[in-house]
Protein backbone atom coordinates (compact mmCIF):
# COMPACT_ATOMS: atom_id res chain seq x y z
CA MET A 1 -11.78 11.25 18.74
CA TYR A 2 -8.82 12.61 16.82
CA LEU A 3 -6.41 11.45 14.15
CA THR A 4 -2.79 10.65 14.75
CA ARG A 5 -0.31 10.07 11.98
CA GLU A 6 2.90 8.10 11.92
CA ILE A 7 5.74 7.34 9.60
CA CYS A 8 6.15 3.56 9.77
CA GLY A 9 9.01 1.35 8.63
CA TYR A 10 8.36 -2.23 7.52
CA ASP A 11 11.01 -4.93 7.15
CA ARG A 12 11.14 -5.85 3.45
CA GLU A 13 11.66 -9.55 4.15
CA THR A 14 9.06 -10.15 6.87
CA GLU A 15 6.74 -7.22 6.05
CA TRP A 16 6.44 -6.61 9.81
CA GLN A 17 6.39 -3.10 11.18
CA VAL A 18 9.70 -2.61 12.98
CA TRP A 19 9.79 1.15 13.47
CA SER A 20 7.46 4.15 13.72
CA THR A 21 7.48 7.76 14.77
CA SER A 22 4.72 10.33 15.15
CA ILE A 23 4.34 13.15 12.65
CA ASP A 24 2.48 16.32 13.61
CA GLU A 25 -0.38 17.76 11.56
CA GLU A 26 1.67 20.58 10.05
CA SER A 27 4.44 18.22 8.92
CA ALA A 28 1.92 15.69 7.55
CA ARG A 29 0.31 18.46 5.48
CA ALA A 30 3.72 19.56 4.19
CA LEU A 31 4.52 15.96 3.24
CA ALA A 32 1.14 15.60 1.48
CA ARG A 33 2.36 18.02 -1.19
CA PHE A 34 4.70 15.25 -2.39
CA LEU A 35 1.96 12.57 -2.47
CA ASP A 36 -1.04 11.82 -4.65
CA THR A 37 -3.74 12.53 -2.05
CA GLU A 38 -6.54 13.42 -4.44
CA GLY A 39 -9.88 12.83 -2.71
CA ASP A 40 -8.23 12.20 0.68
CA ASP A 41 -8.20 15.64 2.29
CA ASP A 42 -7.92 14.13 5.78
CA LEU A 43 -4.93 11.92 4.85
CA LEU A 44 -6.68 8.77 6.01
CA PHE A 45 -5.16 6.37 3.49
CA VAL A 46 -1.80 4.62 3.75
CA TYR A 47 0.81 6.26 1.54
CA ASP A 48 4.02 4.58 0.43
CA LEU A 49 7.04 6.78 0.93
CA GLU A 50 10.02 6.49 -1.37
CA GLY A 51 12.30 8.85 -3.25
CA GLU A 52 11.65 12.54 -2.64
CA PRO A 53 8.60 11.98 -0.37
CA LEU A 54 10.71 9.74 1.88
CA GLN A 55 13.55 12.27 1.91
CA ALA A 56 11.05 15.01 2.82
CA ALA A 57 9.59 12.88 5.63
CA ALA A 58 13.07 12.27 7.05
CA ARG A 59 13.81 16.01 7.01
CA LEU A 60 10.43 16.99 8.50
CA VAL A 61 10.43 14.45 11.31
CA GLY A 62 14.17 14.07 11.82
CA PHE A 63 14.95 10.40 11.26
CA GLU A 64 17.61 8.49 9.37
CA ILE A 65 16.38 6.33 6.51
CA ARG A 66 17.35 2.72 7.13
CA PRO A 67 18.09 0.43 4.19
CA GLY A 68 15.96 -2.70 4.15
CA LEU A 69 12.81 -0.89 5.28
CA ASP A 70 9.78 0.23 3.30
CA TYR A 71 8.20 3.39 4.70
CA THR A 72 4.59 4.57 4.85
CA LEU A 73 2.55 7.49 6.14
CA GLU A 74 -0.40 6.11 8.12
CA ALA A 75 -3.31 7.53 10.11
CA SER A 76 -5.13 6.06 13.09
CA GLN A 77 -7.86 7.22 15.46
CA GLY A 78 -7.12 8.14 19.03
CA ALA A 79 -9.50 8.50 21.92
C-alpha cells in the first residue's frame, strides 16, 4: 500500500467535493512547511488551505484558485 495526496476543493454552500488534483510527494512536503503538521510526519491528516498555504499549493500544483471553494490537502491509501 502507498499514500496518495490530493488538493481538494469543496463547495462552500453544499460542502460537497467538486474538484481535486493529485499532488506529488515532493510538492506535498514543500507545502507542509506552510502548515502546522506537528506530530503528523506522514501528512495523514486533512489540512485546510487558505491564504499563503493555498497560494503555495496553487503554484506547486498549477491550478487556479476558484472563489466559492474551500481547499484542503488530504491523504488516502492506494493499493
